[in-house]
Amino acid sequence: MKFIKTFLLGLCISLLACQSAKKTDENKKDSLISATSASTQAVDKRFLIVAGHSIGEISLGEDMEQVSKKLGRPDVSDAAMGKAWGIWYSSDSTAKRRAEIAVYSAYRDTSMRVKDVKQIRVTSYQFKTQDGLATGTPLEDTKLKLPDIEKISSYLNEEKDTVIVYDAKKEGIGFEFLKGKSISVTVHPVNTALNLTYLTLHPEWKIVE
């Protein structure tokens, strides 16, 4: 009789342990599913960066008249020889932190009738690629997601800090890095190197490489 009680007690303990282990495994699976879902959550199209194609609602090749309708008149512009930069600052920009979207345009063809978008550059952290690349992303993380990215030039900004420009030519996306973290993202046509327009965009910057 004593043996039977001991056996039944052991059997109950084993069943409880199995149920507990099963619940733990289920919780782990649920956590994994939740984490995976969070990492693949779709980015709002208004802030989505698509390499070689678009940033937010502005696309490469888009007529600048349409861009003006969407963004209004630029806060800063610089034009010469049929090429131009237009810069729009966000409403929460300050003297120390300017969240901006800049559009580089030029004539579409030799008819010189239509100017279209050649490059789009943003500094706001709100804009990001589907896999999470954005301003503030460390250089090493960017290299992991874009193995073909290459350093193309370096500049001294107005504060004498070194800004390093990297470009993923095949993908159509470039970055500026300051102290190991990106401070801007630029989208340009695929297989077309990020041209050196930074001296126009930032005439106060000095190229060092």
Protein backbone atom coordinates (compact mmCIF):
# COMPACT_ATOMS: atom_id res chain seq x y z
CA MET A 1 0.00 0.00 0.00
CA LYS A 2 2.83 2.35 0.95
CA PHE A 3 4.55 1.50 -2.34
CA ILE A 4 1.39 2.36 -4.33
CA LYS A 5 1.03 5.76 -2.58
CA THR A 6 4.68 6.56 -3.24
CA PHE A 7 4.29 5.56 -6.89
CA LEU A 8 1.16 7.70 -7.35
CA LEU A 9 2.85 10.67 -5.68
CA GLY A 10 5.83 10.35 -8.01
CA LEU A 11 3.53 10.07 -11.02
CA CYS A 12 1.69 13.28 -10.05
CA ILE A 13 4.96 15.17 -9.64
CA SER A 14 6.13 13.96 -13.07
CA LEU A 15 2.88 15.07 -14.73
CA LEU A 16 3.08 18.51 -13.13
CA ALA A 17 6.70 18.87 -14.26
CA CYS A 18 5.77 17.92 -17.83
CA GLN A 19 2.92 20.44 -17.88
CA SER A 20 5.20 23.16 -16.52
CA ALA A 21 7.86 22.40 -19.12
CA LYS A 22 5.22 22.46 -21.86
CA LYS A 23 3.97 25.88 -20.74
CA THR A 24 7.55 27.19 -20.62
CA ASP A 25 8.17 25.99 -24.20
CA GLU A 26 4.91 27.57 -25.35
CA ASN A 27 5.86 30.86 -23.68
CA LYS A 28 9.25 30.78 -25.41
CA LYS A 29 7.59 30.15 -28.78
CA ASP A 30 5.14 32.98 -28.19
CA SER A 31 8.00 35.33 -27.25
CA LEU A 32 9.94 34.31 -30.36
CA ILE A 33 6.92 34.89 -32.59
CA SER A 34 6.30 38.29 -30.99
CA ALA A 35 9.94 39.34 -31.43
CA THR A 36 9.95 38.19 -35.06
CA SER A 37 6.72 40.03 -35.77
CA ALA A 38 8.09 43.21 -34.18
CA SER A 39 11.31 43.07 -36.24
CA THR A 40 9.40 42.59 -39.51
CA GLN A 41 6.68 45.13 -38.79
CA ALA A 42 5.99 47.23 -41.85
CA VAL A 43 7.36 50.78 -41.83
CA ASP A 44 4.82 53.54 -42.43
CA LYS A 45 5.04 54.38 -46.16
CA ARG A 46 5.29 58.07 -45.31
CA PHE A 47 8.69 57.34 -43.69
CA LEU A 48 9.89 54.34 -45.69
CA ILE A 49 13.30 54.47 -47.38
CA VAL A 50 13.59 52.27 -50.48
CA ALA A 51 17.15 52.11 -51.76
CA GLY A 52 17.46 53.15 -55.39
CA HIS A 53 13.85 54.30 -55.48
CA SER A 54 12.37 56.65 -52.89
CA ILE A 55 12.25 58.24 -49.45
CA GLY A 56 8.79 58.70 -48.03
CA GLU A 57 6.49 60.19 -50.65
CA ILE A 58 9.31 61.48 -52.90
CA SER A 59 10.68 59.24 -55.66
CA LEU A 60 13.69 59.37 -57.95
CA GLY A 61 12.74 60.61 -61.40
CA GLU A 62 9.72 62.49 -60.07
CA ASP A 63 8.88 65.84 -61.67
CA MET A 64 9.98 68.64 -59.35
CA GLU A 65 6.65 70.39 -59.88
CA GLN A 66 4.99 67.44 -58.15
CA VAL A 67 7.56 67.57 -55.35
CA SER A 68 6.79 71.25 -54.81
CA LYS A 69 3.09 70.45 -54.54
CA LYS A 70 3.85 67.90 -51.84
CA LEU A 71 6.47 69.80 -49.84
CA GLY A 72 5.75 73.41 -50.68
CA ARG A 73 8.43 76.00 -51.19
CA PRO A 74 11.88 74.93 -49.91
CA ASP A 75 13.34 76.69 -46.88
CA VAL A 76 16.72 76.84 -48.60
CA SER A 77 17.60 76.41 -52.27
CA ASP A 78 20.71 76.62 -54.39
CA ALA A 79 20.57 76.42 -58.18
CA ALA A 80 23.13 76.73 -60.97
CA MET A 81 23.61 75.38 -64.49
CA GLY A 82 20.27 73.58 -64.48
CA LYS A 83 21.00 71.71 -61.26
CA ALA A 84 19.61 72.49 -57.81
CA TRP A 85 19.28 71.50 -54.16
CA GLY A 86 16.08 72.24 -52.30
CA ILE A 87 16.00 71.79 -48.52
CA TRP A 88 12.91 71.54 -46.35
CA TYR A 89 13.21 71.65 -42.54
CA SER A 90 10.75 69.86 -40.28
CA SER A 91 8.63 71.91 -37.89
CA ASP A 92 10.60 70.70 -34.86
CA SER A 93 13.99 71.73 -36.26
CA THR A 94 16.22 73.88 -34.07
CA ALA A 95 19.49 75.72 -34.54
CA LYS A 96 21.34 72.75 -33.04
CA ARG A 97 19.30 69.98 -34.64
CA ARG A 98 17.88 70.41 -38.12
CA ALA A 99 15.73 67.53 -39.29
CA GLU A 100 15.56 67.99 -43.02
CA ILE A 101 14.77 66.50 -46.38
CA ALA A 102 16.91 67.65 -49.28
CA VAL A 103 16.19 66.98 -52.94
CA TYR A 104 18.80 67.25 -55.68
CA SER A 105 17.36 67.83 -59.15
CA ALA A 106 18.47 68.46 -62.71
CA TYR A 107 16.96 68.64 -66.18
CA ARG A 108 15.54 65.30 -67.29
CA ASP A 109 16.88 65.59 -70.83
CA THR A 110 18.35 68.00 -73.36
CA SER A 111 14.98 69.65 -73.98
CA MET A 112 15.50 71.34 -70.59
CA ARG A 113 11.78 71.51 -69.92
CA VAL A 114 11.39 69.26 -66.92
CA LYS A 115 13.56 68.97 -63.81
CA ASP A 116 13.32 65.68 -61.99
CA VAL A 117 14.64 64.18 -58.75
CA LYS A 118 18.16 62.76 -58.92
CA GLN A 119 18.87 62.26 -55.20
CA ILE A 120 16.95 62.47 -51.93
CA ARG A 121 18.64 63.02 -48.57
CA VAL A 122 17.10 62.94 -45.09
CA THR A 123 18.46 63.52 -41.59
CA SER A 124 15.36 62.69 -39.53
CA TYR A 125 15.46 59.41 -37.60
CA GLN A 126 11.80 58.84 -38.51
CA PHE A 127 12.75 57.69 -41.99
CA LYS A 128 14.07 54.12 -42.21
CA THR A 129 14.45 51.15 -44.51
CA GLN A 130 12.32 48.06 -44.03
CA ASP A 131 15.25 46.37 -42.25
CA GLY A 132 15.79 49.30 -39.90
CA LEU A 133 18.59 51.39 -41.39
CA ALA A 134 18.17 55.04 -40.42
CA THR A 135 20.03 58.01 -39.02
CA GLY A 136 21.61 56.97 -35.75
CA THR A 137 22.49 53.49 -37.03
CA PRO A 138 26.10 52.51 -36.17
CA LEU A 139 28.51 52.00 -39.06
CA GLU A 140 29.13 48.35 -38.15
CA ASP A 141 25.40 47.55 -38.22
CA THR A 142 25.09 49.26 -41.60
CA LYS A 143 27.97 47.18 -42.97
CA LEU A 144 26.28 43.98 -41.81
CA LYS A 145 23.15 44.82 -43.79
CA LEU A 146 25.01 46.34 -46.74
CA PRO A 147 28.25 44.32 -47.17
CA ASP A 148 29.12 46.13 -50.43
CA ILE A 149 29.09 49.59 -48.85
CA GLU A 150 32.29 51.56 -49.50
CA LYS A 151 33.85 54.71 -48.13
CA ILE A 152 33.99 57.35 -50.87
CA SER A 153 35.04 60.60 -49.16
CA SER A 154 35.53 62.52 -45.92
CA TYR A 155 34.75 66.10 -44.96
CA LEU A 156 35.41 68.51 -42.12
CA ASN A 157 32.14 70.14 -41.14
CA GLU A 158 31.67 73.62 -39.68
CA GLU A 159 32.58 72.30 -36.23
CA LYS A 160 35.76 70.65 -37.57
CA ASP A 161 34.35 67.17 -37.02
CA THR A 162 35.07 64.52 -39.64
CA VAL A 163 32.05 63.37 -41.62
CA ILE A 164 32.65 60.18 -43.59
CA VAL A 165 30.51 59.39 -46.63
CA TYR A 166 29.77 55.76 -47.53
CA ASP A 167 27.93 54.49 -50.58
CA ALA A 168 26.28 51.21 -51.55
CA LYS A 169 26.43 51.87 -55.29
CA LYS A 170 24.66 48.70 -56.45
CA GLU A 171 21.77 49.22 -54.03
CA GLY A 172 21.41 52.97 -54.62
CA ILE A 173 21.82 54.23 -51.06
CA GLY A 174 24.49 56.27 -49.26
CA PHE A 175 25.15 57.51 -45.74
CA GLU A 176 27.07 60.19 -43.87
CA PHE A 177 28.66 59.07 -40.61
CA LEU A 178 29.81 61.19 -37.71
CA LYS A 179 31.56 59.56 -34.75
CA GLY A 180 30.52 56.10 -35.92
CA LYS A 181 26.81 56.78 -36.40
CA SER A 182 24.90 57.84 -39.49
CA ILE A 183 23.64 61.42 -39.61
CA SER A 184 21.93 61.21 -42.99
CA VAL A 185 20.64 58.76 -45.57
CA THR A 186 20.70 59.48 -49.31
CA VAL A 187 18.87 57.52 -52.02
CA HIS A 188 20.18 57.65 -55.59
CA PRO A 189 19.81 55.57 -58.78
CA VAL A 190 21.20 52.03 -58.58
CA ASN A 191 24.62 51.40 -60.09
CA THR A 192 25.25 55.14 -60.14
CA ALA A 193 27.82 56.35 -57.64
CA LEU A 194 26.75 58.92 -55.10
CA ASN A 195 28.17 62.01 -56.81
CA LEU A 196 30.04 64.66 -54.93
CA THR A 197 27.23 67.16 -54.42
CA TYR A 198 28.04 67.74 -50.76
CA LEU A 199 30.12 70.82 -51.47
CA THR A 200 27.00 72.36 -53.01
CA LEU A 201 24.77 71.19 -50.20
CA HIS A 202 27.35 72.15 -47.57
CA PRO A 203 29.64 74.80 -49.08
CA GLU A 204 31.20 75.32 -45.65
CA TRP A 205 32.46 71.71 -45.52
CA LYS A 206 36.04 71.01 -46.53
CA ILE A 207 36.84 67.80 -48.36
CA VAL A 208 39.81 65.96 -46.85
CA GLU A 209 39.74 62.72 -48.87
